[in-house]
Amino acid sequence: MRFAPVSFVSVVFESEFLLLRLQAASMRTYLPAELVSDIIVIDNSRRGMPKGFRGALLVAYGELADKVRILRPSEICTMPGTLGWRSQQVLKLVVAEQLTSPRYVVLDAKNHFISPARPDFFQSPDGRARVNSYGYQTHPLRSALEHVLRYLEIYSSDYIDEFPATVTPFVLDTDIVLGLTAGLSARSGHDFSVEFVDNNLLEFFLYSGWIIASGRSLDTVFDFHQVFCPNIWPKNVNATKVREAVGKAADRSLPLFSIHRRALGRLDAESVHLLAEFWTERELFATSADAARFVREFKRAFLRAEVVRKLREQRLQAIRMVESGGHRISGLATSVRRRTLGPSRSDS
């Protein structure tokens, strides 16, 4: 079956800007232009990308730059009273209204290409989207999955035994997403984004559940190929885990590699060396010294962002405590918040 070009969608905020630049460079190196309909970057940062960074980002995409659109959330939908992780999930679905391609691939900023991407990684020979699945019996997101299934009135313990994974890359069919957002809006009488936030839904669980709720089986839409790309997560990150991830990446059929921002911010010297050597070998940096310099730059930016985030959280917590004391004090606190903080966001 012929492979139609797909859109690639990434949502990013301040702490991930440099990781997005690495992703862009990796796309330039390993993502053939004929596979790409367009690249949508959703800038979910508080103040918007600095002009200088935006320019550097487009340079990093190389010949793919003409396919890139950088959108702010307000250009996609009206976001209800939420920011951060929950808003990112809404945006990953509502962005379908901006696409002309029949299918799109959602990436996180932590994902970057390390080998040439082939169509059969994203689509099976019979045309189904390729994703992964696993059991949720002991998974931290089990309760969230159960909640979504009950919301859609399709709960069955069978789905806890196996259900599509929530990791990126995640491949979505545009028409299914549009049916989901329109269907839930019609059913609830609310804008989709409001319904999503008010009911504490999760985007990939909701998408997969909607397929079932619409009377289809998951295997008519998905090919579960069970090919997980290597990841480095922040929990107990050390040189051993980095070495394991790099070792798994020796399989050249795996086009993507992931490192969470918190993991990159915590790497020790040996881990930085291992990762720098790997990135250089995959031609993402000219030298390992350049790669190590990138990690240092990221760590400095990440530390600054974390300090700002924690201070903002502390201030907002204090304001909420004051607000709970009465309407008169609440009004004063709100005024202070508007003058000093502006809208807040979480960076979960």
Protein backbone atom coordinates (compact mmCIF):
# COMPACT_ATOMS: atom_id res chain seq x y z
CA MET A 1 0.00 0.00 0.00
CA ARG A 2 1.27 3.47 -0.87
CA PHE A 3 2.35 5.59 2.08
CA ALA A 4 0.76 9.03 2.17
CA PRO A 5 2.93 11.74 3.74
CA VAL A 6 2.02 12.45 7.36
CA SER A 7 2.16 15.44 9.66
CA PHE A 8 4.50 15.49 12.63
CA VAL A 9 3.26 17.36 15.70
CA SER A 10 5.34 18.40 18.71
CA VAL A 11 4.17 20.37 21.75
CA VAL A 12 6.90 22.25 23.60
CA PHE A 13 7.39 24.68 26.49
CA GLU A 14 10.32 26.63 27.93
CA SER A 15 12.27 23.81 29.58
CA GLU A 16 12.25 21.82 26.35
CA PHE A 17 13.28 24.41 23.79
CA LEU A 18 16.79 23.04 23.35
CA LEU A 19 15.51 19.47 23.10
CA LEU A 20 13.19 20.65 20.33
CA ARG A 21 16.18 22.11 18.50
CA LEU A 22 17.90 18.72 18.74
CA GLN A 23 14.73 17.08 17.41
CA ALA A 24 14.70 19.51 14.49
CA ALA A 25 18.32 18.72 13.61
CA SER A 26 17.58 15.01 13.80
CA MET A 27 14.64 15.43 11.42
CA ARG A 28 16.89 17.25 8.98
CA THR A 29 19.30 14.30 9.10
CA TYR A 30 16.99 11.29 9.18
CA LEU A 31 13.45 12.21 8.10
CA PRO A 32 13.03 12.05 4.30
CA ALA A 33 11.07 15.01 2.98
CA GLU A 34 8.77 12.75 0.96
CA LEU A 35 7.42 11.24 4.21
CA VAL A 36 6.48 14.66 5.60
CA SER A 37 3.28 16.53 4.83
CA ASP A 38 4.07 19.23 7.37
CA ILE A 39 5.62 19.75 10.79
CA ILE A 40 3.52 21.48 13.43
CA VAL A 41 5.29 22.91 16.47
CA ILE A 42 2.89 23.98 19.18
CA ASP A 43 4.60 26.61 21.30
CA ASN A 44 2.94 26.09 24.67
CA SER A 45 5.42 28.30 26.53
CA ARG A 46 4.21 31.07 28.79
CA ARG A 47 5.56 34.02 26.83
CA GLY A 48 6.23 32.49 23.43
CA MET A 49 9.48 31.50 21.78
CA PRO A 50 12.09 34.25 21.63
CA LYS A 51 12.51 35.49 18.08
CA GLY A 52 16.17 34.46 18.01
CA PHE A 53 15.39 30.90 19.07
CA ARG A 54 12.60 30.62 16.53
CA GLY A 55 15.03 31.57 13.79
CA ALA A 56 17.66 29.09 15.00
CA LEU A 57 15.01 26.38 15.19
CA LEU A 58 13.99 26.86 11.57
CA VAL A 59 17.65 26.72 10.53
CA ALA A 60 17.99 23.43 12.40
CA TYR A 61 15.21 21.88 10.31
CA GLY A 62 17.28 22.46 7.17
CA GLU A 63 15.37 21.67 3.97
CA LEU A 64 12.29 20.74 6.03
CA ALA A 65 11.93 24.33 7.28
CA ASP A 66 9.45 25.19 4.53
CA LYS A 67 7.12 22.52 5.95
CA VAL A 68 7.22 23.90 9.50
CA ARG A 69 4.43 25.88 11.15
CA ILE A 70 4.87 27.21 14.69
CA LEU A 71 1.52 27.77 16.37
CA ARG A 72 0.51 29.23 19.69
CA PRO A 73 -2.34 27.51 21.61
CA SER A 74 -4.68 30.45 20.91
CA GLU A 75 -4.32 29.72 17.19
CA ILE A 76 -5.62 26.19 17.76
CA CYS A 77 -8.40 26.47 20.34
CA THR A 78 -9.70 28.42 23.30
CA MET A 79 -8.10 26.77 26.29
CA PRO A 80 -10.16 26.57 29.49
CA GLY A 81 -8.63 27.15 32.92
CA THR A 82 -5.68 24.81 32.60
CA LEU A 83 -2.08 25.02 31.53
CA GLY A 84 0.85 22.63 31.34
CA TRP A 85 0.46 18.89 30.93
CA ARG A 86 -3.32 18.87 30.56
CA SER A 87 -3.31 21.64 27.99
CA GLN A 88 -0.67 19.82 25.96
CA GLN A 89 -2.95 16.80 25.75
CA VAL A 90 -5.88 18.90 24.50
CA LEU A 91 -3.66 20.53 21.89
CA LYS A 92 -2.41 17.19 20.54
CA LEU A 93 -5.99 16.34 19.57
CA VAL A 94 -7.53 19.68 18.60
CA VAL A 95 -4.59 20.39 16.28
CA ALA A 96 -6.16 17.86 13.89
CA GLU A 97 -8.38 20.72 12.69
CA GLN A 98 -5.24 22.39 11.32
CA LEU A 99 -4.09 19.40 9.26
CA THR A 100 -4.69 18.31 5.69
CA SER A 101 -2.84 14.99 5.97
CA PRO A 102 -4.85 11.82 6.65
CA ARG A 103 -2.57 10.82 9.52
CA TYR A 104 -0.22 12.47 12.00
CA VAL A 105 2.53 11.43 14.35
CA VAL A 106 2.68 13.03 17.79
CA LEU A 107 6.18 13.49 19.19
CA ASP A 108 7.39 14.87 22.49
CA ALA A 109 10.40 17.17 22.57
CA LYS A 110 12.33 14.33 24.21
CA ASN A 111 12.12 12.29 20.98
CA HIS A 112 14.78 12.63 18.30
CA PHE A 113 15.67 10.60 15.23
CA ILE A 114 18.85 8.51 15.25
CA SER A 115 18.37 6.41 12.10
CA PRO A 116 16.58 6.90 8.78
CA ALA A 117 12.81 6.84 9.24
CA ARG A 118 10.97 4.40 7.00
CA PRO A 119 7.24 4.42 6.23
CA ASP A 120 6.78 0.92 7.68
CA PHE A 121 7.68 2.16 11.15
CA PHE A 122 4.53 4.29 11.18
CA GLN A 123 2.23 2.22 8.96
CA SER A 124 1.72 -1.49 8.36
CA PRO A 125 1.60 -2.87 4.80
CA ASP A 126 -2.21 -3.03 5.02
CA GLY A 127 -2.42 0.66 5.95
CA ARG A 128 -3.07 0.52 9.69
CA ALA A 129 -1.27 2.88 12.06
CA ARG A 130 1.56 1.24 13.96
CA VAL A 131 1.65 1.76 17.73
CA ASN A 132 2.55 -0.31 20.77
CA SER A 133 0.50 -1.81 23.58
CA TYR A 134 1.06 -3.32 27.01
CA GLY A 135 -0.73 -4.33 30.17
CA TYR A 136 -1.85 -1.81 32.77
CA GLN A 137 -2.40 -4.12 35.74
CA THR A 138 0.48 -2.55 37.69
CA HIS A 139 1.01 0.53 35.55
CA PRO A 140 0.92 3.97 37.24
CA LEU A 141 -1.72 5.10 34.73
CA ARG A 142 -4.11 2.22 35.39
CA SER A 143 -6.60 4.38 37.29
CA ALA A 144 -6.48 7.01 34.53
CA LEU A 145 -7.23 4.34 31.90
CA GLU A 146 -10.10 2.97 33.97
CA HIS A 147 -11.48 6.48 34.36
CA VAL A 148 -11.47 7.13 30.60
CA LEU A 149 -13.04 3.75 29.84
CA ARG A 150 -15.83 4.43 32.33
CA TYR A 151 -16.33 7.93 30.95
CA LEU A 152 -16.84 6.39 27.49
CA GLU A 153 -19.04 3.66 29.02
CA ILE A 154 -16.88 0.85 27.59
CA TYR A 155 -15.13 -0.39 30.71
CA SER A 156 -13.91 -3.98 30.59
CA SER A 157 -11.11 -5.60 32.57
CA ASP A 158 -9.88 -7.05 29.27
CA TYR A 159 -8.63 -3.58 28.32
CA ILE A 160 -6.57 -3.42 31.51
CA ASP A 161 -4.75 -6.55 30.37
CA GLU A 162 -3.75 -4.89 27.10
CA PHE A 163 -4.34 -1.42 25.71
CA PRO A 164 -2.41 0.95 23.43
CA ALA A 165 0.64 2.46 25.07
CA THR A 166 0.71 6.17 25.83
CA VAL A 167 4.29 6.72 24.69
CA THR A 168 5.40 8.81 21.75
CA PRO A 169 5.68 8.48 18.85
CA PHE A 170 1.94 7.89 18.66
CA VAL A 171 0.25 7.65 15.26
CA LEU A 172 -3.29 9.05 14.88
CA ASP A 173 -5.76 9.10 12.01
CA THR A 174 -6.95 12.65 11.45
CA ASP A 175 -10.55 11.70 10.63
CA ILE A 176 -10.87 9.65 13.83
CA VAL A 177 -9.61 12.56 15.91
CA LEU A 178 -12.03 14.96 14.21
CA GLY A 179 -14.87 12.52 14.88
CA LEU A 180 -13.79 12.29 18.51
CA THR A 181 -13.65 16.03 19.14
CA ALA A 182 -16.93 16.70 17.33
CA GLY A 183 -18.63 13.69 18.91
CA LEU A 184 -17.78 14.58 22.48
CA SER A 185 -18.74 18.20 21.92
CA ALA A 186 -22.13 17.17 20.57
CA ARG A 187 -22.71 14.66 23.35
CA SER A 188 -21.75 17.03 26.16
CA GLY A 189 -22.92 20.35 24.75
CA HIS A 190 -19.51 21.84 25.58
CA ASP A 191 -16.43 22.71 23.60
CA PHE A 192 -14.19 19.67 23.39
CA SER A 193 -11.38 21.35 25.32
CA VAL A 194 -13.76 22.18 28.19
CA GLU A 195 -15.16 18.65 28.27
CA PHE A 196 -11.65 17.18 28.21
CA VAL A 197 -10.37 19.30 31.08
CA ASP A 198 -13.52 19.09 33.22
CA ASN A 199 -13.43 15.30 33.07
CA ASN A 200 -9.68 14.83 33.58
CA LEU A 201 -9.24 12.82 30.39
CA LEU A 202 -6.00 11.62 28.80
CA GLU A 203 -5.45 12.11 25.10
CA PHE A 204 -4.18 8.72 23.86
CA PHE A 205 -6.47 6.72 26.13
CA LEU A 206 -9.39 8.81 24.90
CA TYR A 207 -8.45 8.37 21.25
CA SER A 208 -8.14 4.60 21.55
CA GLY A 209 -11.27 4.34 23.68
CA TRP A 210 -13.24 6.39 21.16
CA ILE A 211 -12.42 3.81 18.48
CA ILE A 212 -14.03 1.13 20.65
CA ALA A 213 -16.98 3.35 21.61
CA SER A 214 -17.58 3.97 17.90
CA GLY A 215 -18.11 0.24 17.34
CA ARG A 216 -14.71 -0.71 15.97
CA SER A 217 -12.10 -3.05 17.36
CA LEU A 218 -8.65 -1.66 18.03
CA ASP A 219 -6.97 -4.05 15.63
CA THR A 220 -8.94 -2.61 12.72
CA VAL A 221 -7.16 0.71 13.25
CA PHE A 222 -3.88 -0.28 14.87
CA ASP A 223 -1.10 -2.71 14.04
CA PHE A 224 0.56 -3.45 17.38
CA HIS A 225 4.12 -3.92 16.23
CA GLN A 226 5.66 -3.89 19.74
CA VAL A 227 8.83 -2.10 18.67
CA PHE A 228 9.74 0.24 21.51
CA CYS A 229 12.47 2.78 20.82
CA PRO A 230 15.10 3.32 23.55
CA ASN A 231 14.25 5.77 26.33
CA ILE A 232 16.16 7.39 29.17
CA TRP A 233 13.83 8.34 32.01
CA PRO A 234 14.63 10.50 35.05
CA LYS A 235 14.08 7.77 37.66
CA ASN A 236 17.45 6.55 38.94
CA VAL A 237 19.20 7.74 35.80
CA ASN A 238 22.89 6.73 35.70
CA ALA A 239 25.61 5.63 33.29
CA THR A 240 24.37 2.03 33.33
CA LYS A 241 20.92 3.06 32.12
CA VAL A 242 22.40 5.36 29.49
CA ARG A 243 24.67 2.56 28.28
CA GLU A 244 21.68 0.19 28.06
CA ALA A 245 19.67 2.70 26.00
CA VAL A 246 22.59 3.37 23.67
CA GLY A 247 23.12 -0.37 23.30
CA LYS A 248 19.48 -0.89 22.30
CA ALA A 249 19.88 1.87 19.72
CA ALA A 250 22.42 -0.31 17.89
CA ASP A 251 19.34 -1.79 16.18
CA ARG A 252 19.21 0.49 13.15
CA SER A 253 15.55 -0.35 12.52
CA LEU A 254 14.69 1.85 15.51
CA PRO A 255 14.52 5.40 14.18
CA LEU A 256 13.95 7.29 17.42
CA PHE A 257 15.65 7.80 20.77
CA SER A 258 14.22 9.61 23.78
CA ILE A 259 15.65 11.33 26.80
CA HIS A 260 13.40 13.09 29.28
CA ARG A 261 14.36 16.66 30.16
CA ARG A 262 14.73 15.79 33.85
CA ALA A 263 17.02 12.90 32.99
CA LEU A 264 19.20 15.10 30.78
CA GLY A 265 19.34 17.69 33.53
CA ARG A 266 20.65 15.09 36.00
CA LEU A 267 23.27 13.25 33.95
CA ASP A 268 26.65 12.70 35.61
CA ALA A 269 29.94 13.15 33.74
CA GLU A 270 30.20 9.53 32.59
CA SER A 271 26.63 9.58 31.28
CA VAL A 272 27.24 12.84 29.42
CA HIS A 273 30.31 11.30 27.78
CA LEU A 274 28.38 8.20 26.69
CA LEU A 275 25.52 10.21 25.27
CA ALA A 276 27.81 12.73 23.57
CA GLU A 277 29.75 9.92 21.86
CA PHE A 278 26.50 8.31 20.72
CA TRP A 279 25.02 11.53 19.34
CA THR A 280 28.25 12.27 17.49
CA GLU A 281 28.38 8.77 16.01
CA ARG A 282 24.82 9.34 14.72
CA GLU A 283 25.91 12.67 13.19
CA LEU A 284 23.67 14.85 15.33
CA PHE A 285 26.75 16.83 16.40
CA ALA A 286 30.04 17.39 14.58
CA THR A 287 32.12 16.43 17.62
CA SER A 288 31.55 14.92 21.03
CA ALA A 289 32.77 18.20 22.52
CA ASP A 290 29.91 19.97 20.72
CA ALA A 291 27.45 17.42 22.07
CA ALA A 292 28.79 17.79 25.62
CA ARG A 293 28.55 21.57 25.27
CA PHE A 294 24.90 21.17 24.27
CA VAL A 295 24.22 19.15 27.44
CA ARG A 296 25.87 21.82 29.59
CA GLU A 297 23.83 24.53 27.87
CA PHE A 298 20.67 22.51 28.43
CA LYS A 299 21.47 21.94 32.11
CA ARG A 300 21.94 25.67 32.72
CA ALA A 301 18.68 26.54 30.95
CA PHE A 302 16.84 23.70 32.70
CA LEU A 303 18.07 24.79 36.12
CA ARG A 304 16.91 28.36 35.50
CA ALA A 305 13.51 27.15 34.33
CA GLU A 306 13.14 24.86 37.35
CA VAL A 307 13.95 27.68 39.77
CA VAL A 308 11.38 29.95 38.11
CA ARG A 309 8.80 27.16 38.11
CA LYS A 310 9.26 26.40 41.80
CA LEU A 311 9.12 30.07 42.79
CA ARG A 312 5.94 30.52 40.77
CA GLU A 313 4.37 27.46 42.39
CA GLN A 314 5.27 28.73 45.85
CA ARG A 315 3.80 32.15 45.12
CA LEU A 316 0.61 30.69 43.71
CA GLN A 317 0.26 28.39 46.71
CA ALA A 318 0.58 31.37 49.01
CA ILE A 319 -2.00 33.30 46.98
CA ARG A 320 -4.46 30.40 47.14
CA MET A 321 -4.06 30.27 50.91
CA VAL A 322 -4.82 33.98 51.12
CA GLU A 323 -7.76 33.61 48.72
CA SER A 324 -9.30 30.92 50.91
CA GLY A 325 -9.49 33.44 53.76
CA GLY A 326 -12.25 35.55 52.24
CA HIS A 327 -13.47 37.38 49.18
CA ARG A 328 -11.95 40.74 50.14
CA ILE A 329 -8.48 39.25 50.61
CA SER A 330 -9.02 37.06 47.57
CA GLY A 331 -9.58 40.11 45.41
CA LEU A 332 -6.36 41.65 46.62
CA ALA A 333 -4.44 38.43 46.02
CA THR A 334 -5.82 38.15 42.50
CA SER A 335 -4.72 41.70 41.79
CA VAL A 336 -1.24 40.92 43.08
CA ARG A 337 -1.12 37.75 41.00
CA ARG A 338 -2.03 39.57 37.81
CA ARG A 339 0.60 42.25 38.39
CA THR A 340 3.42 39.91 39.37
CA LEU A 341 2.89 36.53 37.86
CA GLY A 342 0.50 36.54 34.97
CA PRO A 343 -0.99 33.16 34.04
CA SER A 344 0.84 30.15 35.42
CA ARG A 345 1.63 26.78 33.88
CA SER A 346 2.79 23.41 35.09
CA ASP A 347 5.59 21.62 33.27
CA SER A 348 4.75 18.06 34.22
